[in-house]
């Protein structure tokens, strides 16, 4: 019988340790979020514009290359 009570005590302490780890993780997370320096609205808009511009230019470049190679293959296979 003593083994059962010590086993249940071990389970309870493990359960509390697991809860303490989760609580500590959330506490550490809150502390880290306080350290974050959030960018200004202007910075976000500028960076987003740059990314969208690069994506559009890259897609146009890839489209142009694809069409060019397709035209080249058509010329090769039609001869």
N, C-alpha and C. Protein backbone atom coordinates (compact mmCIF):
# COMPACT_ATOMS: atom_id res chain seq x y z
N UNK A 1 0.81 -1.19 0.00
CA UNK A 1 0.00 0.00 0.00
C UNK A 1 0.86 1.26 0.00
N UNK A 2 1.99 1.22 0.62
CA UNK A 2 2.85 2.40 0.69
C UNK A 2 3.33 2.79 -0.71
N UNK A 3 3.52 1.80 -1.54
CA UNK A 3 3.98 2.08 -2.90
C UNK A 3 2.93 2.86 -3.68
N UNK A 4 1.66 2.54 -3.49
CA UNK A 4 0.61 3.24 -4.21
C UNK A 4 0.55 4.70 -3.80
N UNK A 5 0.66 4.98 -2.52
CA UNK A 5 0.58 6.37 -2.06
C UNK A 5 1.80 7.16 -2.52
N UNK A 6 2.97 6.54 -2.55
CA UNK A 6 4.14 7.26 -3.04
C UNK A 6 4.08 7.44 -4.54
N UNK A 7 3.47 6.48 -5.23
CA UNK A 7 3.32 6.61 -6.68
C UNK A 7 2.36 7.75 -7.00
N UNK A 8 1.28 7.85 -6.26
CA UNK A 8 0.33 8.94 -6.53
C UNK A 8 0.95 10.28 -6.14
N UNK A 9 1.78 10.30 -5.13
CA UNK A 9 2.47 11.54 -4.74
C UNK A 9 3.44 11.95 -5.84
N UNK A 10 4.12 10.96 -6.43
CA UNK A 10 5.03 11.25 -7.54
C UNK A 10 4.27 11.82 -8.74
N UNK A 11 3.11 11.23 -9.01
CA UNK A 11 2.30 11.72 -10.13
C UNK A 11 1.84 13.14 -9.88
N UNK A 12 1.46 13.44 -8.64
CA UNK A 12 1.01 14.79 -8.32
C UNK A 12 2.16 15.79 -8.46
N UNK A 13 3.35 15.40 -8.00
CA UNK A 13 4.48 16.32 -8.10
C UNK A 13 4.89 16.52 -9.55
N UNK A 14 4.81 15.45 -10.36
CA UNK A 14 5.10 15.59 -11.79
C UNK A 14 4.07 16.49 -12.46
N UNK A 15 2.80 16.34 -12.06
CA UNK A 15 1.74 17.16 -12.62
C UNK A 15 1.98 18.64 -12.27
N UNK A 16 2.37 18.90 -11.02
CA UNK A 16 2.64 20.28 -10.60
C UNK A 16 3.87 20.83 -11.32
N UNK A 17 4.88 19.98 -11.51
CA UNK A 17 6.07 20.42 -12.22
C UNK A 17 5.72 20.77 -13.66
N UNK A 18 4.85 19.95 -14.28
CA UNK A 18 4.41 20.23 -15.65
C UNK A 18 3.65 21.53 -15.72
N UNK A 19 2.80 21.78 -14.74
CA UNK A 19 2.05 23.03 -14.69
C UNK A 19 3.00 24.21 -14.46
N UNK A 20 4.00 23.99 -13.61
CA UNK A 20 4.96 25.06 -13.36
C UNK A 20 5.75 25.39 -14.61
N UNK A 21 6.09 24.39 -15.41
CA UNK A 21 6.83 24.63 -16.65
C UNK A 21 5.98 25.44 -17.62
N UNK A 22 4.71 25.09 -17.72
CA UNK A 22 3.82 25.81 -18.63
C UNK A 22 3.64 27.24 -18.14
N UNK A 23 3.42 27.42 -16.86
CA UNK A 23 3.26 28.76 -16.31
C UNK A 23 4.53 29.58 -16.50
N UNK A 24 5.69 28.97 -16.29
CA UNK A 24 6.96 29.66 -16.48
C UNK A 24 7.15 30.05 -17.93
N UNK A 25 6.75 29.15 -18.84
CA UNK A 25 6.88 29.44 -20.26
C UNK A 25 6.05 30.67 -20.63
N UNK A 26 4.80 30.74 -20.15
CA UNK A 26 3.96 31.90 -20.45
C UNK A 26 4.51 33.17 -19.80
N UNK A 27 5.06 33.04 -18.62
CA UNK A 27 5.65 34.21 -17.94
C UNK A 27 6.85 34.71 -18.74
N UNK A 28 7.70 33.78 -19.17
CA UNK A 28 8.87 34.16 -19.98
C UNK A 28 8.44 34.76 -21.31
N UNK A 29 7.37 34.22 -21.88
CA UNK A 29 6.85 34.74 -23.14
C UNK A 29 6.40 36.19 -22.97
N UNK A 30 5.71 36.48 -21.90
CA UNK A 30 5.25 37.84 -21.63
C UNK A 30 6.43 38.79 -21.46
N UNK A 31 7.46 38.33 -20.78
CA UNK A 31 8.66 39.15 -20.58
C UNK A 31 9.33 39.44 -21.91
N UNK A 32 9.42 38.43 -22.78
CA UNK A 32 10.05 38.62 -24.09
C UNK A 32 9.24 39.57 -24.97
N UNK A 33 7.91 39.49 -24.90
CA UNK A 33 7.09 40.40 -25.69
C UNK A 33 7.27 41.85 -25.25
N UNK A 34 7.58 42.07 -23.99
CA UNK A 34 7.83 43.44 -23.53
C UNK A 34 9.12 43.98 -24.11
N UNK A 35 10.05 43.11 -24.50
CA UNK A 35 11.33 43.53 -25.06
C UNK A 35 11.24 43.85 -26.55
N UNK A 36 10.16 43.41 -27.21
CA UNK A 36 10.03 43.58 -28.65
C UNK A 36 9.86 45.06 -28.99
N UNK A 37 10.59 45.51 -30.01
CA UNK A 37 10.44 46.86 -30.51
C UNK A 37 9.64 46.75 -31.81
N UNK A 38 8.39 47.18 -31.76
CA UNK A 38 7.51 47.06 -32.91
C UNK A 38 7.81 48.18 -33.89
N UNK A 39 7.80 47.88 -35.20
CA UNK A 39 8.08 48.91 -36.20
C UNK A 39 6.92 49.89 -36.32
N UNK A 40 7.25 51.08 -36.82
CA UNK A 40 6.20 52.08 -37.01
C UNK A 40 5.36 51.72 -38.22
N UNK A 41 4.22 52.38 -38.33
CA UNK A 41 3.32 52.12 -39.47
C UNK A 41 4.02 52.45 -40.78
N UNK A 42 4.78 53.55 -40.80
CA UNK A 42 5.48 53.97 -42.01
C UNK A 42 6.48 52.90 -42.45
N UNK A 43 7.21 52.34 -41.49
CA UNK A 43 8.19 51.30 -41.80
C UNK A 43 7.51 50.05 -42.37
N UNK A 44 6.39 49.67 -41.79
CA UNK A 44 5.67 48.49 -42.26
C UNK A 44 5.17 48.71 -43.68
N UNK A 45 4.59 49.89 -43.94
CA UNK A 45 4.08 50.19 -45.28
C UNK A 45 5.22 50.21 -46.29
N UNK A 46 6.35 50.82 -45.93
CA UNK A 46 7.50 50.88 -46.83
C UNK A 46 8.02 49.48 -47.14
N UNK A 47 8.24 48.69 -46.12
CA UNK A 47 8.77 47.33 -46.32
C UNK A 47 7.80 46.47 -47.12
N UNK A 48 6.50 46.59 -46.85
CA UNK A 48 5.51 45.83 -47.59
C UNK A 48 5.51 46.24 -49.05
N UNK A 49 5.63 47.52 -49.32
CA UNK A 49 5.67 48.01 -50.70
C UNK A 49 6.88 47.46 -51.44
N UNK A 50 8.02 47.44 -50.77
CA UNK A 50 9.23 46.91 -51.40
C UNK A 50 9.07 45.43 -51.71
N UNK A 51 8.54 44.68 -50.79
CA UNK A 51 8.35 43.25 -51.00
C UNK A 51 7.38 43.00 -52.15
N UNK A 52 6.26 43.70 -52.17
CA UNK A 52 5.29 43.52 -53.25
C UNK A 52 5.89 43.91 -54.60
N UNK A 53 6.66 44.99 -54.62
CA UNK A 53 7.32 45.40 -55.86
C UNK A 53 8.29 44.35 -56.37
N UNK A 54 9.08 43.80 -55.49
CA UNK A 54 10.04 42.76 -55.89
C UNK A 54 9.30 41.51 -56.37
N UNK A 55 8.22 41.16 -55.74
CA UNK A 55 7.44 39.99 -56.16
C UNK A 55 6.87 40.22 -57.55
N UNK A 56 6.31 41.40 -57.80
CA UNK A 56 5.74 41.69 -59.12
C UNK A 56 6.84 41.68 -60.19
N UNK A 57 7.95 42.34 -59.92
CA UNK A 57 9.05 42.35 -60.89
C UNK A 57 9.59 40.95 -61.16
N UNK A 58 9.73 40.17 -60.11
CA UNK A 58 10.23 38.79 -60.28
C UNK A 58 9.27 37.96 -61.11
N UNK A 59 7.98 38.12 -60.83
CA UNK A 59 7.00 37.33 -61.59
C UNK A 59 6.99 37.76 -63.06
N UNK A 60 7.12 39.06 -63.33
CA UNK A 60 7.18 39.52 -64.72
C UNK A 60 8.44 38.99 -65.42
N UNK A 61 9.55 38.97 -64.71
CA UNK A 61 10.78 38.43 -65.27
C UNK A 61 10.63 36.95 -65.59
N UNK A 62 10.06 36.20 -64.66
CA UNK A 62 9.87 34.76 -64.88
C UNK A 62 8.90 34.51 -66.03
N UNK A 63 7.84 35.32 -66.12
CA UNK A 63 6.89 35.18 -67.21
C UNK A 63 7.58 35.45 -68.55
N UNK A 64 8.40 36.51 -68.59
CA UNK A 64 9.12 36.84 -69.81
C UNK A 64 10.08 35.74 -70.23
N UNK A 65 10.82 35.20 -69.29
CA UNK A 65 11.73 34.10 -69.59
C UNK A 65 10.97 32.87 -70.08
N UNK A 66 9.87 32.57 -69.43
CA UNK A 66 9.07 31.40 -69.81
C UNK A 66 8.54 31.56 -71.24
N UNK A 67 8.00 32.72 -71.54
CA UNK A 67 7.48 32.97 -72.89
C UNK A 67 8.61 32.94 -73.92
N UNK A 68 9.76 33.49 -73.57
CA UNK A 68 10.90 33.48 -74.47
C UNK A 68 11.38 32.08 -74.77
N UNK A 69 11.54 31.27 -73.76
CA UNK A 69 11.97 29.88 -73.97
C UNK A 69 10.92 29.08 -74.74
N UNK A 70 9.64 29.37 -74.47
CA UNK A 70 8.57 28.69 -75.19
C UNK A 70 8.62 29.05 -76.68
N UNK A 71 8.84 30.32 -76.98
CA UNK A 71 8.95 30.75 -78.38
C UNK A 71 10.16 30.10 -79.04
N UNK A 72 11.26 30.02 -78.31
CA UNK A 72 12.47 29.38 -78.84
C UNK A 72 12.22 27.90 -79.15
N UNK A 73 11.56 27.21 -78.26
CA UNK A 73 11.25 25.80 -78.49
C UNK A 73 10.30 25.62 -79.67
N UNK A 74 9.35 26.52 -79.82
CA UNK A 74 8.44 26.44 -80.98
C UNK A 74 9.22 26.61 -82.28
N UNK A 75 10.19 27.53 -82.27
CA UNK A 75 11.01 27.72 -83.47
C UNK A 75 11.84 26.47 -83.77
N UNK A 76 12.38 25.86 -82.74
CA UNK A 76 13.22 24.68 -82.93
C UNK A 76 12.39 23.51 -83.45
N UNK A 77 11.20 23.27 -82.89
CA UNK A 77 10.40 22.11 -83.24
C UNK A 77 9.63 22.30 -84.55
N UNK A 78 9.41 23.53 -84.98
CA UNK A 78 8.67 23.75 -86.23
C UNK A 78 9.57 23.65 -87.46
N UNK A 79 10.85 23.64 -87.30
CA UNK A 79 11.76 23.53 -88.46
C UNK A 79 11.92 22.13 -88.85
